[in-house]
Amino acid sequence: MGYIKPLGKTPVKIGRELYDADSIFIKEALSLPDPLSIISPFVLSYENQNLLYQGSLHDTKKHVLDAIQSQADKDFTIIGGGGDFFEGSSVGIDAMGLIEDINAKALMVEAWRGDISSDTLFGAHKLLGKRFAGGIINKVPANTMNHVKETVLPFLKKNGVNILGVFQKDSVMASFTIRQLIEGLNGTVHCCVEMLDEPVEHFSIGAMDVDSALRHFRRLPNKAVITGAHRADIQLAALETSTKCIILTGGLNTNEVVLGKAQAKGVPIISVIEDTFTTVDRIEALMGKTRIREKGKIERARELIAAGFDMEGFLKAVGSK
């Protein structure tokens, strides 16, 4: 099989060339023999974006189509789409255009946003017609799964919309590493740098009294606690529970007692210059950009797909023998 990501958005420099970070990871994870110039034919870097606006970016579509054509001998090629149907339109490599150009079948992954998601899948089915291989409803909250499976799914199937899987929101797949948080928040690490690749599954704001905080913290495993640097009481309470890191807001550090206890427990202390509410806003923005560039997530994805994806129906829909 082959894999191509026509529009890369996370540039990584290897030698003198730029490639997409997701593409590099997929090549390594699946041991793909194809060169990165095929797997990642175009990256929308800052320089390429400027060239586009200046009218000096040429042959992007041809370059991508040539890469796709080079996969003609493969049994199966997965082409990673954009964030929506039209991302990449300005350079001619949007999903809608590529589906038309190469006569591809589309598998649409729709993160659950409420009942509007049924409209999105229904609309995609109508828009793509026979090229719509099916849809996946992803990231469904646990308390909504029954509604999706018992009400939404039968409605879509009754109206001819092929749904190949419904996946509950998964804490492992949605997790961040502490290192990713630090990068996204531009934070400073004060201890336990060896623990930065640990996953964070939950977030909690420490802005209540200590007893309430402790009860709340005990309900959330593998969490990051966000609190003011002056709230040493909250920080000590967090260290008594399953806490992966503590994020101190306001640009200040904590006291030596908290720092020593965090060091002993292997819990990184991170400081950021923003206030608590700004920090929470930035974390929420980051949460919409989770990546699968971790081997633990690959293994978890395999488990979820094996249990909940209609592979036979998918292969039938895309015409595979």
C-alpha atoms as a PDB file:
ATOM      1  CA  MET A   1       0.000   0.000   0.000  1.00  0.00           C
ATOM      2  CA  GLY A   2       0.955   3.623  -0.345  1.00  0.00           C
ATOM      3  CA  TYR A   3       0.324   6.814   1.590  1.00  0.00           C
ATOM      4  CA  ILE A   4       0.412  10.434   0.431  1.00  0.00           C
ATOM      5  CA  LYS A   5      -0.364  13.649   2.253  1.00  0.00           C
ATOM      6  CA  PRO A   6      -0.827  16.200  -0.551  1.00  0.00           C
ATOM      7  CA  LEU A   7      -1.005  19.249   1.720  1.00  0.00           C
ATOM      8  CA  GLY A   8       1.464  19.239   4.580  1.00  0.00           C
ATOM      9  CA  LYS A   9       1.014  21.870   7.285  1.00  0.00           C
ATOM     10  CA  THR A  10       3.726  21.021   9.807  1.00  0.00           C
ATOM     11  CA  PRO A  11       7.059  21.619   8.065  1.00  0.00           C
ATOM     12  CA  VAL A  12      10.165  19.719   9.162  1.00  0.00           C
ATOM     13  CA  LYS A  13      13.503  20.329   7.486  1.00  0.00           C
ATOM     14  CA  ILE A  14      15.553  17.295   6.454  1.00  0.00           C
ATOM     15  CA  GLY A  15      18.739  18.346   4.741  1.00  0.00           C
ATOM     16  CA  ARG A  16      17.730  21.144   2.407  1.00  0.00           C
ATOM     17  CA  GLU A  17      14.149  19.941   1.880  1.00  0.00           C
ATOM     18  CA  LEU A  18      10.921  20.516   3.810  1.00  0.00           C
ATOM     19  CA  TYR A  19       8.545  17.654   4.541  1.00  0.00           C
ATOM     20  CA  ASP A  20       5.402  17.241   6.616  1.00  0.00           C
ATOM     21  CA  ALA A  21       5.836  15.931  10.176  1.00  0.00           C
ATOM     22  CA  ASP A  22       2.822  13.579   9.941  1.00  0.00           C
ATOM     23  CA  SER A  23       4.152  12.133   6.688  1.00  0.00           C
ATOM     24  CA  ILE A  24       7.570  11.482   8.214  1.00  0.00           C
ATOM     25  CA  PHE A  25       5.970   9.681  11.136  1.00  0.00           C
ATOM     26  CA  ILE A  26       3.660   7.567   8.944  1.00  0.00           C
ATOM     27  CA  LYS A  27       6.574   6.562   6.690  1.00  0.00           C
ATOM     28  CA  GLU A  28       8.511   5.335   9.717  1.00  0.00           C
ATOM     29  CA  ALA A  29       5.530   3.751  11.507  1.00  0.00           C
ATOM     30  CA  LEU A  30       4.442   1.753   8.423  1.00  0.00           C
ATOM     31  CA  SER A  31       7.971   1.169   7.036  1.00  0.00           C
ATOM     32  CA  LEU A  32       6.929   2.612   3.689  1.00  0.00           C
ATOM     33  CA  PRO A  33       9.642   2.280   1.010  1.00  0.00           C
ATOM     34  CA  ASP A  34       8.613   5.371  -0.977  1.00  0.00           C
ATOM     35  CA  PRO A  35      10.747   8.527  -0.637  1.00  0.00           C
ATOM     36  CA  LEU A  36       9.418  11.465   1.363  1.00  0.00           C
ATOM     37  CA  SER A  37       9.276  13.505  -1.832  1.00  0.00           C
ATOM     38  CA  ILE A  38       6.369  11.227  -2.863  1.00  0.00           C
ATOM     39  CA  ILE A  39       4.732  10.797   0.539  1.00  0.00           C
ATOM     40  CA  SER A  40       4.926  14.539   1.275  1.00  0.00           C
ATOM     41  CA  PRO A  41       4.914  16.276  -2.139  1.00  0.00           C
ATOM     42  CA  PHE A  42       3.977  19.754  -0.879  1.00  0.00           C
ATOM     43  CA  VAL A  43       4.233  21.588   2.446  1.00  0.00           C
ATOM     44  CA  LEU A  44       2.537  24.927   2.976  1.00  0.00           C
ATOM     45  CA  SER A  45       5.434  26.586   4.772  1.00  0.00           C
ATOM     46  CA  TYR A  46       5.661  30.282   5.584  1.00  0.00           C
ATOM     47  CA  GLU A  47       7.813  30.802   2.484  1.00  0.00           C
ATOM     48  CA  ASN A  48       5.391  28.924   0.201  1.00  0.00           C
ATOM     49  CA  GLN A  49       2.460  30.894   1.615  1.00  0.00           C
ATOM     50  CA  ASN A  50       4.235  34.150   0.705  1.00  0.00           C
ATOM     51  CA  LEU A  51       5.071  32.848  -2.776  1.00  0.00           C
ATOM     52  CA  LEU A  52       1.400  31.951  -3.230  1.00  0.00           C
ATOM     53  CA  TYR A  53       0.238  35.463  -2.331  1.00  0.00           C
ATOM     54  CA  GLN A  54       2.866  36.960  -4.625  1.00  0.00           C
ATOM     55  CA  GLY A  55       1.717  34.789  -7.535  1.00  0.00           C
ATOM     56  CA  SER A  56       5.089  33.019  -7.683  1.00  0.00           C
ATOM     57  CA  LEU A  57       4.068  29.516  -6.552  1.00  0.00           C
ATOM     58  CA  HIS A  58       3.712  27.303  -9.615  1.00  0.00           C
ATOM     59  CA  ASP A  59       3.066  23.654 -10.557  1.00  0.00           C
ATOM     60  CA  THR A  60       1.917  22.579  -7.088  1.00  0.00           C
ATOM     61  CA  LYS A  61      -1.039  20.612  -8.427  1.00  0.00           C
ATOM     62  CA  LYS A  62       1.069  18.932 -11.121  1.00  0.00           C
ATOM     63  CA  HIS A  63       3.675  17.988  -8.527  1.00  0.00           C
ATOM     64  CA  VAL A  64       1.029  16.409  -6.287  1.00  0.00           C
ATOM     65  CA  LEU A  65      -0.729  14.600  -9.143  1.00  0.00           C
ATOM     66  CA  ASP A  66       2.625  13.214 -10.344  1.00  0.00           C
ATOM     67  CA  ALA A  67       3.249  11.857  -6.832  1.00  0.00           C
ATOM     68  CA  ILE A  68      -0.184  10.219  -6.794  1.00  0.00           C
ATOM     69  CA  GLN A  69       0.351   8.769 -10.282  1.00  0.00           C
ATOM     70  CA  SER A  70       3.609   7.197  -9.083  1.00  0.00           C
ATOM     71  CA  GLN A  71       1.487   5.014  -6.781  1.00  0.00           C
ATOM     72  CA  ALA A  72      -0.463   3.455  -9.667  1.00  0.00           C
ATOM     73  CA  ASP A  73       1.191   0.055  -9.132  1.00  0.00           C
ATOM     74  CA  LYS A  74       0.038  -0.144  -5.499  1.00  0.00           C
ATOM     75  CA  ASP A  75      -2.915  -2.284  -4.427  1.00  0.00           C
ATOM     76  CA  PHE A  76      -4.169   0.542  -2.251  1.00  0.00           C
ATOM     77  CA  THR A  77      -3.169   4.166  -1.645  1.00  0.00           C
ATOM     78  CA  ILE A  78      -4.426   6.292   1.213  1.00  0.00           C
ATOM     79  CA  ILE A  79      -4.470  10.016   0.455  1.00  0.00           C
ATOM     80  CA  GLY A  80      -4.730  12.170   3.568  1.00  0.00           C
ATOM     81  CA  GLY A  81      -7.366  14.872   3.097  1.00  0.00           C
ATOM     82  CA  GLY A  82      -7.437  18.375   4.538  1.00  0.00           C
ATOM     83  CA  GLY A  83      -9.382  19.741   7.467  1.00  0.00           C
ATOM     84  CA  ASP A  84     -12.390  20.227   5.174  1.00  0.00           C
ATOM     85  CA  PHE A  85     -13.385  19.763   1.527  1.00  0.00           C
ATOM     86  CA  PHE A  86     -11.845  23.038   0.363  1.00  0.00           C
ATOM     87  CA  GLU A  87      -8.567  23.338   2.268  1.00  0.00           C
ATOM     88  CA  GLY A  88      -5.839  23.699  -0.356  1.00  0.00           C
ATOM     89  CA  SER A  89      -8.137  25.235  -2.993  1.00  0.00           C
ATOM     90  CA  SER A  90      -5.775  28.171  -3.555  1.00  0.00           C
ATOM     91  CA  VAL A  91      -3.078  25.793  -4.813  1.00  0.00           C
ATOM     92  CA  GLY A  92      -5.453  23.388  -6.552  1.00  0.00           C
ATOM     93  CA  ILE A  93      -5.075  20.435  -4.205  1.00  0.00           C
ATOM     94  CA  ASP A  94      -8.298  20.599  -2.164  1.00  0.00           C
ATOM     95  CA  ALA A  95     -10.044  17.317  -1.375  1.00  0.00           C
ATOM     96  CA  MET A  96     -13.000  18.012  -3.677  1.00  0.00           C
ATOM     97  CA  GLY A  97     -10.713  18.762  -6.611  1.00  0.00           C
ATOM     98  CA  LEU A  98      -8.439  15.764  -6.050  1.00  0.00           C
ATOM     99  CA  ILE A  99     -11.384  13.371  -5.700  1.00  0.00           C
ATOM    100  CA  GLU A 100     -12.583  14.590  -9.106  1.00  0.00           C
ATOM    101  CA  ASP A 101      -9.136  14.628 -10.746  1.00  0.00           C
ATOM    102  CA  ILE A 102      -8.105  11.105  -9.781  1.00  0.00           C
ATOM    103  CA  ASN A 103     -11.567   9.509  -9.565  1.00  0.00           C
ATOM    104  CA  ALA A 104     -11.028   8.615  -5.906  1.00  0.00           C
ATOM    105  CA  LYS A 105     -13.408   7.357  -3.257  1.00  0.00           C
ATOM    106  CA  ALA A 106     -13.759   9.446  -0.087  1.00  0.00           C
ATOM    107  CA  LEU A 107     -13.871   8.264   3.514  1.00  0.00           C
ATOM    108  CA  MET A 108     -15.075  11.157   5.666  1.00  0.00           C
ATOM    109  CA  VAL A 109     -14.157  11.360   9.336  1.00  0.00           C
ATOM    110  CA  GLU A 110     -16.538  13.660  11.198  1.00  0.00           C
ATOM    111  CA  ALA A 111     -15.711  14.621  14.789  1.00  0.00           C
ATOM    112  CA  TRP A 112     -19.039  14.721  16.650  1.00  0.00           C
ATOM    113  CA  ARG A 113     -20.254  18.327  17.055  1.00  0.00           C
ATOM    114  CA  GLY A 114     -23.812  17.550  18.015  1.00  0.00           C
ATOM    115  CA  ASP A 115     -26.636  16.762  15.630  1.00  0.00           C
ATOM    116  CA  ILE A 116     -25.153  19.107  13.024  1.00  0.00           C
ATOM    117  CA  SER A 117     -22.714  16.254  12.310  1.00  0.00           C
ATOM    118  CA  SER A 118     -25.552  14.258  10.741  1.00  0.00           C
ATOM    119  CA  ASP A 119     -26.130  17.194   8.362  1.00  0.00           C
ATOM    120  CA  THR A 120     -22.427  17.231   7.468  1.00  0.00           C
ATOM    121  CA  LEU A 121     -22.352  13.521   6.633  1.00  0.00           C
ATOM    122  CA  PHE A 122     -25.693  13.683   4.832  1.00  0.00           C
ATOM    123  CA  GLY A 123     -24.446  16.656   2.798  1.00  0.00           C
ATOM    124  CA  ALA A 124     -21.162  14.940   1.925  1.00  0.00           C
ATOM    125  CA  HIS A 125     -23.076  11.895   0.732  1.00  0.00           C
ATOM    126  CA  LYS A 126     -25.262  14.074  -1.516  1.00  0.00           C
ATOM    127  CA  LEU A 127     -22.326  16.132  -2.770  1.00  0.00           C
ATOM    128  CA  LEU A 128     -20.032  13.211  -3.623  1.00  0.00           C
ATOM    129  CA  GLY A 129     -22.601  10.677  -4.780  1.00  0.00           C
ATOM    130  CA  LYS A 130     -20.970   7.365  -5.764  1.00  0.00           C
ATOM    131  CA  ARG A 131     -17.567   8.677  -4.712  1.00  0.00           C
ATOM    132  CA  PHE A 132     -18.680   8.754  -1.067  1.00  0.00           C
ATOM    133  CA  ALA A 133     -17.313   5.474   0.306  1.00  0.00           C
ATOM    134  CA  GLY A 134     -18.658   6.138   3.778  1.00  0.00           C
ATOM    135  CA  GLY A 135     -18.333   8.128   6.954  1.00  0.00           C
ATOM    136  CA  ILE A 136     -16.937   7.704  10.424  1.00  0.00           C
ATOM    137  CA  ILE A 137     -18.391   9.490  13.440  1.00  0.00           C
ATOM    138  CA  ASN A 138     -15.490  10.167  15.763  1.00  0.00           C
ATOM    139  CA  LYS A 139     -14.891  11.601  19.254  1.00  0.00           C
ATOM    140  CA  VAL A 140     -18.395  10.966  20.538  1.00  0.00           C
ATOM    141  CA  PRO A 141     -18.741  11.764  24.281  1.00  0.00           C
ATOM    142  CA  ALA A 142     -19.601   8.714  26.380  1.00  0.00           C
ATOM    143  CA  ASN A 143     -22.957  10.163  27.444  1.00  0.00           C
ATOM    144  CA  THR A 144     -23.942  10.685  23.784  1.00  0.00           C
ATOM    145  CA  MET A 145     -23.028   7.268  22.373  1.00  0.00           C
ATOM    146  CA  ASN A 146     -26.512   5.784  22.841  1.00  0.00           C
ATOM    147  CA  HIS A 147     -28.126   8.719  21.033  1.00  0.00           C
ATOM    148  CA  VAL A 148     -25.684   8.453  18.125  1.00  0.00           C
ATOM    149  CA  LYS A 149     -25.987   4.676  17.785  1.00  0.00           C
ATOM    150  CA  GLU A 150     -29.736   4.361  18.394  1.00  0.00           C
ATOM    151  CA  THR A 151     -31.044   7.522  16.709  1.00  0.00           C
ATOM    152  CA  VAL A 152     -28.508   9.210  14.416  1.00  0.00           C
ATOM    153  CA  LEU A 153     -27.007   6.068  12.887  1.00  0.00           C
ATOM    154  CA  PRO A 154     -30.331   4.451  11.876  1.00  0.00           C
ATOM    155  CA  PHE A 155     -31.487   7.766  10.362  1.00  0.00           C
ATOM    156  CA  LEU A 156     -28.344   8.105   8.234  1.00  0.00           C
ATOM    157  CA  LYS A 157     -28.390   4.485   7.095  1.00  0.00           C
ATOM    158  CA  LYS A 158     -32.093   4.696   6.243  1.00  0.00           C
ATOM    159  CA  ASN A 159     -31.242   7.618   3.961  1.00  0.00           C
ATOM    160  CA  GLY A 160     -28.428   5.748   2.214  1.00  0.00           C
ATOM    161  CA  VAL A 161     -25.502   7.308   4.088  1.00  0.00           C
ATOM    162  CA  ASN A 162     -22.936   4.551   4.607  1.00  0.00           C
ATOM    163  CA  ILE A 163     -21.494   4.778   8.142  1.00  0.00           C
ATOM    164  CA  LEU A 164     -18.504   2.516   8.731  1.00  0.00           C
ATOM    165  CA  GLY A 165     -17.839   3.202  12.398  1.00  0.00           C
ATOM    166  CA  VAL A 166     -18.814   5.199  15.468  1.00  0.00           C
ATOM    167  CA  PHE A 167     -16.002   5.868  17.928  1.00  0.00           C
ATOM    168  CA  GLN A 168     -16.286   7.151  21.452  1.00  0.00           C
ATOM    169  CA  LYS A 169     -13.966   9.967  22.496  1.00  0.00           C
ATOM    170  CA  ASP A 170     -10.832   8.251  23.746  1.00  0.00           C
ATOM    171  CA  SER A 171      -8.570   9.699  26.427  1.00  0.00           C
ATOM    172  CA  VAL A 172      -5.413   8.145  24.960  1.00  0.00           C
ATOM    173  CA  MET A 173      -6.061   9.412  21.444  1.00  0.00           C
ATOM    174  CA  ALA A 174      -6.917  12.893  22.750  1.00  0.00           C
ATOM    175  CA  SER A 175      -3.913  13.117  25.055  1.00  0.00           C
ATOM    176  CA  PHE A 176      -0.940  15.456  24.779  1.00  0.00           C
ATOM    177  CA  THR A 177       2.575  14.903  25.963  1.00  0.00           C
ATOM    178  CA  ILE A 178       3.876  17.397  28.501  1.00  0.00           C
ATOM    179  CA  ARG A 179       6.461  18.442  25.921  1.00  0.00           C
ATOM    180  CA  GLN A 180       3.723  19.335  23.422  1.00  0.00           C
ATOM    181  CA  LEU A 181       2.002  21.427  26.086  1.00  0.00           C
ATOM    182  CA  ILE A 182       5.203  23.306  26.837  1.00  0.00           C
ATOM    183  CA  GLU A 183       5.751  24.016  23.148  1.00  0.00           C
ATOM    184  CA  GLY A 184       2.167  25.176  22.660  1.00  0.00           C
ATOM    185  CA  LEU A 185       2.183  27.385  25.747  1.00  0.00           C
ATOM    186  CA  ASN A 186       5.785  28.594  25.392  1.00  0.00           C
ATOM    187  CA  GLY A 187       6.338  27.492  28.979  1.00  0.00           C
ATOM    188  CA  THR A 188       9.443  27.161  31.155  1.00  0.00           C
ATOM    189  CA  VAL A 189      10.254  23.849  32.886  1.00  0.00           C
ATOM    190  CA  HIS A 190      11.525  24.030  36.469  1.00  0.00           C
ATOM    191  CA  CYS A 191      12.042  20.353  37.255  1.00  0.00           C
ATOM    192  CA  CYS A 192      11.737  16.753  35.998  1.00  0.00           C
ATOM    193  CA  VAL A 193      12.721  17.374  32.359  1.00  0.00           C
ATOM    194  CA  GLU A 194      13.104  13.607  31.954  1.00  0.00           C
ATOM    195  CA  MET A 195       9.304  13.239  32.294  1.00  0.00           C
ATOM    196  CA  LEU A 196       8.275  15.527  29.431  1.00  0.00           C
ATOM    197  CA  ASP A 197       7.173  12.713  27.119  1.00  0.00           C
ATOM    198  CA  GLU A 198       4.504  11.513  29.563  1.00  0.00           C
ATOM    199  CA  PRO A 199       0.906  11.788  28.238  1.00  0.00           C
ATOM    200  CA  VAL A 200      -1.649  14.187  29.716  1.00  0.00           C
ATOM    201  CA  GLU A 201      -5.245  12.963  29.407  1.00  0.00           C
ATOM    202  CA  HIS A 202      -7.180  15.553  31.455  1.00  0.00           C
ATOM    203  CA  PHE A 203      -6.918  19.185  32.534  1.00  0.00           C
ATOM    204  CA  SER A 204      -8.088  20.749  35.768  1.00  0.00           C
ATOM    205  CA  ILE A 205      -8.149  24.360  36.939  1.00  0.00           C
ATOM    206  CA  GLY A 206      -7.058  24.784  40.558  1.00  0.00           C
ATOM    207  CA  ALA A 207      -9.122  27.826  41.567  1.00  0.00           C
ATOM    208  CA  MET A 208     -11.150  26.490  44.486  1.00  0.00           C
ATOM    209  CA  ASP A 209     -10.559  25.751  48.156  1.00  0.00           C
ATOM    210  CA  VAL A 210      -8.180  22.902  48.973  1.00  0.00           C
ATOM    211  CA  ASP A 211     -10.798  20.368  50.137  1.00  0.00           C
ATOM    212  CA  SER A 212     -12.894  20.857  46.991  1.00  0.00           C
ATOM    213  CA  ALA A 213      -9.773  20.733  44.840  1.00  0.00           C
ATOM    214  CA  LEU A 214      -8.621  17.475  46.403  1.00  0.00           C
ATOM    215  CA  ARG A 215     -11.992  15.796  45.808  1.00  0.00           C
ATOM    216  CA  HIS A 216     -11.975  17.009  42.210  1.00  0.00           C
ATOM    217  CA  PHE A 217      -8.339  16.023  41.576  1.00  0.00           C
ATOM    218  CA  ARG A 218      -8.956  12.467  42.801  1.00  0.00           C
ATOM    219  CA  ARG A 219     -11.553  11.944  40.053  1.00  0.00           C
ATOM    220  CA  LEU A 220      -9.159  12.836  37.214  1.00  0.00           C
ATOM    221  CA  PRO A 221      -6.230  10.529  36.414  1.00  0.00           C
ATOM    222  CA  ASN A 222      -3.151  11.592  34.423  1.00  0.00           C
ATOM    223  CA  LYS A 223      -4.014  15.272  34.505  1.00  0.00           C
ATOM    224  CA  ALA A 224      -2.347  18.657  34.178  1.00  0.00           C
ATOM    225  CA  VAL A 225      -3.343  21.112  36.894  1.00  0.00           C
ATOM    226  CA  ILE A 226      -3.461  24.790  35.930  1.00  0.00           C
ATOM    227  CA  THR A 227      -3.248  27.219  38.827  1.00  0.00           C
ATOM    228  CA  GLY A 228      -1.727  30.485  39.977  1.00  0.00           C
ATOM    229  CA  ALA A 229       1.888  30.400  41.135  1.00  0.00           C
ATOM    230  CA  HIS A 230       0.774  31.757  44.537  1.00  0.00           C
ATOM    231  CA  ARG A 231      -1.542  28.769  45.209  1.00  0.00           C
ATOM    232  CA  ALA A 232       0.996  26.468  46.862  1.00  0.00           C
ATOM    233  CA  ASP A 233      -1.869  24.774  48.739  1.00  0.00           C
ATOM    234  CA  ILE A 234      -3.502  23.709  45.443  1.00  0.00           C
ATOM    235  CA  GLN A 235      -0.151  22.568  44.048  1.00  0.00           C
ATOM    236  CA  LEU A 236       0.524  20.358  47.079  1.00  0.00           C
ATOM    237  CA  ALA A 237      -2.996  18.909  46.846  1.00  0.00           C
ATOM    238  CA  ALA A 238      -2.438  18.107  43.153  1.00  0.00           C
ATOM    239  CA  LEU A 239       0.793  16.281  44.013  1.00  0.00           C
ATOM    240  CA  GLU A 240      -1.190  13.940  46.288  1.00  0.00           C
ATOM    241  CA  THR A 241      -3.188  12.668  43.294  1.00  0.00           C
ATOM    242  CA  SER A 242      -2.551  11.334  39.769  1.00  0.00           C
ATOM    243  CA  THR A 243      -0.991  14.484  38.318  1.00  0.00           C
ATOM    244  CA  LYS A 244       1.331  14.510  35.303  1.00  0.00           C
ATOM    245  CA  CYS A 245       2.386  18.160  35.509  1.00  0.00           C
ATOM    246  CA  ILE A 246       1.503  21.465  37.162  1.00  0.00           C
ATOM    247  CA  ILE A 247       1.196  24.609  35.054  1.00  0.00           C
ATOM    248  CA  LEU A 248       1.786  27.817  36.996  1.00  0.00           C
ATOM    249  CA  THR A 249       0.271  30.960  35.505  1.00  0.00           C
ATOM    250  CA  GLY A 250       1.347  34.565  35.857  1.00  0.00           C
ATOM    251  CA  GLY A 251       5.041  34.093  35.041  1.00  0.00           C
ATOM    252  CA  LEU A 252       6.164  33.196  38.562  1.00  0.00           C
ATOM    253  CA  ASN A 253       7.682  30.076  40.115  1.00  0.00           C
ATOM    254  CA  THR A 254       6.480  28.175  43.168  1.00  0.00           C
ATOM    255  CA  ASN A 255       8.198  27.790  46.528  1.00  0.00           C
ATOM    256  CA  GLU A 256      10.974  25.326  47.391  1.00  0.00           C
ATOM    257  CA  VAL A 257       8.643  22.998  49.342  1.00  0.00           C
ATOM    258  CA  VAL A 258       6.401  22.394  46.300  1.00  0.00           C
ATOM    259  CA  LEU A 259       9.386  22.186  43.972  1.00  0.00           C
ATOM    260  CA  GLY A 260      11.098  19.597  46.183  1.00  0.00           C
ATOM    261  CA  LYS A 261       7.962  17.452  46.454  1.00  0.00           C
ATOM    262  CA  ALA A 262       7.373  17.665  42.681  1.00  0.00           C
ATOM    263  CA  GLN A 263      10.977  16.616  42.067  1.00  0.00           C
ATOM    264  CA  ALA A 264      10.562  13.629  44.415  1.00  0.00           C
ATOM    265  CA  LYS A 265       7.345  12.532  42.676  1.00  0.00           C
ATOM    266  CA  GLY A 266       8.601  13.129  39.132  1.00  0.00           C
ATOM    267  CA  VAL A 267       5.996  15.791  38.317  1.00  0.00           C
ATOM    268  CA  PRO A 268       7.260  18.623  36.071  1.00  0.00           C
ATOM    269  CA  ILE A 269       6.497  22.181  37.194  1.00  0.00           C
ATOM    270  CA  ILE A 270       5.926  24.532  34.253  1.00  0.00           C
ATOM    271  CA  SER A 271       5.460  28.288  34.374  1.00  0.00           C
ATOM    272  CA  VAL A 272       3.758  30.434  31.724  1.00  0.00           C
ATOM    273  CA  ILE A 273       3.479  34.214  31.573  1.00  0.00           C
ATOM    274  CA  GLU A 274      -0.276  34.333  30.791  1.00  0.00           C
ATOM    275  CA  ASP A 275      -3.029  34.368  33.387  1.00  0.00           C
ATOM    276  CA  THR A 276      -5.074  31.241  34.113  1.00  0.00           C
ATOM    277  CA  PHE A 277      -7.990  31.980  31.788  1.00  0.00           C
ATOM    278  CA  THR A 278      -5.725  32.869  28.841  1.00  0.00           C
ATOM    279  CA  THR A 279      -3.756  29.671  29.439  1.00  0.00           C
ATOM    280  CA  VAL A 280      -6.954  27.608  29.443  1.00  0.00           C
ATOM    281  CA  ASP A 281      -8.019  29.232  26.156  1.00  0.00           C
ATOM    282  CA  ARG A 282      -4.675  28.321  24.590  1.00  0.00           C
ATOM    283  CA  ILE A 283      -4.923  24.735  25.816  1.00  0.00           C
ATOM    284  CA  GLU A 284      -8.446  24.435  24.370  1.00  0.00           C
ATOM    285  CA  ALA A 285      -7.106  25.663  21.022  1.00  0.00           C
ATOM    286  CA  LEU A 286      -4.326  23.068  21.197  1.00  0.00           C
ATOM    287  CA  MET A 287      -6.806  20.302  21.999  1.00  0.00           C
ATOM    288  CA  GLY A 288      -8.343  20.724  18.555  1.00  0.00           C
ATOM    289  CA  LYS A 289      -4.987  19.885  16.983  1.00  0.00           C
ATOM    290  CA  THR A 290      -4.095  16.542  18.494  1.00  0.00           C
ATOM    291  CA  ARG A 291      -1.691  14.505  16.401  1.00  0.00           C
ATOM    292  CA  ILE A 292      -1.103  10.789  16.148  1.00  0.00           C
ATOM    293  CA  ARG A 293       2.699  11.110  15.980  1.00  0.00           C
ATOM    294  CA  GLU A 294       3.227   8.757  18.921  1.00  0.00           C
ATOM    295  CA  LYS A 295       3.609   4.982  18.825  1.00  0.00           C
ATOM    296  CA  GLY A 296       1.274   4.563  21.789  1.00  0.00           C
ATOM    297  CA  LYS A 297      -1.492   6.306  19.861  1.00  0.00           C
ATOM    298  CA  ILE A 298      -0.863   4.138  16.799  1.00  0.00           C
ATOM    299  CA  GLU A 299      -1.347   1.017  18.909  1.00  0.00           C
ATOM    300  CA  ARG A 300      -4.485   2.438  20.515  1.00  0.00           C
ATOM    301  CA  ALA A 301      -5.867   3.389  17.094  1.00  0.00           C
ATOM    302  CA  ARG A 302      -5.324  -0.172  15.889  1.00  0.00           C
ATOM    303  CA  GLU A 303      -7.277  -1.516  18.860  1.00  0.00           C
ATOM    304  CA  LEU A 304     -10.156   0.899  18.295  1.00  0.00           C
ATOM    305  CA  ILE A 305     -10.337   0.238  14.552  1.00  0.00           C
ATOM    306  CA  ALA A 306     -10.187  -3.533  15.015  1.00  0.00           C
ATOM    307  CA  ALA A 307     -13.122  -3.320  17.425  1.00  0.00           C
ATOM    308  CA  GLY A 308     -15.312  -0.702  15.752  1.00  0.00           C
ATOM    309  CA  PHE A 309     -14.535  -0.227  12.046  1.00  0.00           C
ATOM    310  CA  ASP A 310     -16.408  -2.098   9.300  1.00  0.00           C
ATOM    311  CA  MET A 311     -13.341  -3.046   7.262  1.00  0.00           C
ATOM    312  CA  GLU A 312     -15.254  -5.449   5.024  1.00  0.00           C
ATOM    313  CA  GLY A 313     -17.821  -2.770   4.239  1.00  0.00           C
ATOM    314  CA  PHE A 314     -15.063  -0.237   3.575  1.00  0.00           C
ATOM    315  CA  LEU A 315     -13.179  -2.485   1.151  1.00  0.00           C
ATOM    316  CA  LYS A 316     -16.425  -3.252  -0.647  1.00  0.00           C
ATOM    317  CA  ALA A 317     -17.245   0.478  -0.898  1.00  0.00           C
ATOM    318  CA  VAL A 318     -13.872   1.360  -2.417  1.00  0.00           C
ATOM    319  CA  GLY A 319     -14.017  -1.535  -4.870  1.00  0.00           C
ATOM    320  CA  SER A 320     -11.144  -3.570  -3.441  1.00  0.00           C
ATOM    321  CA  LYS A 321     -11.174  -7.259  -4.339  1.00  0.00           C
END
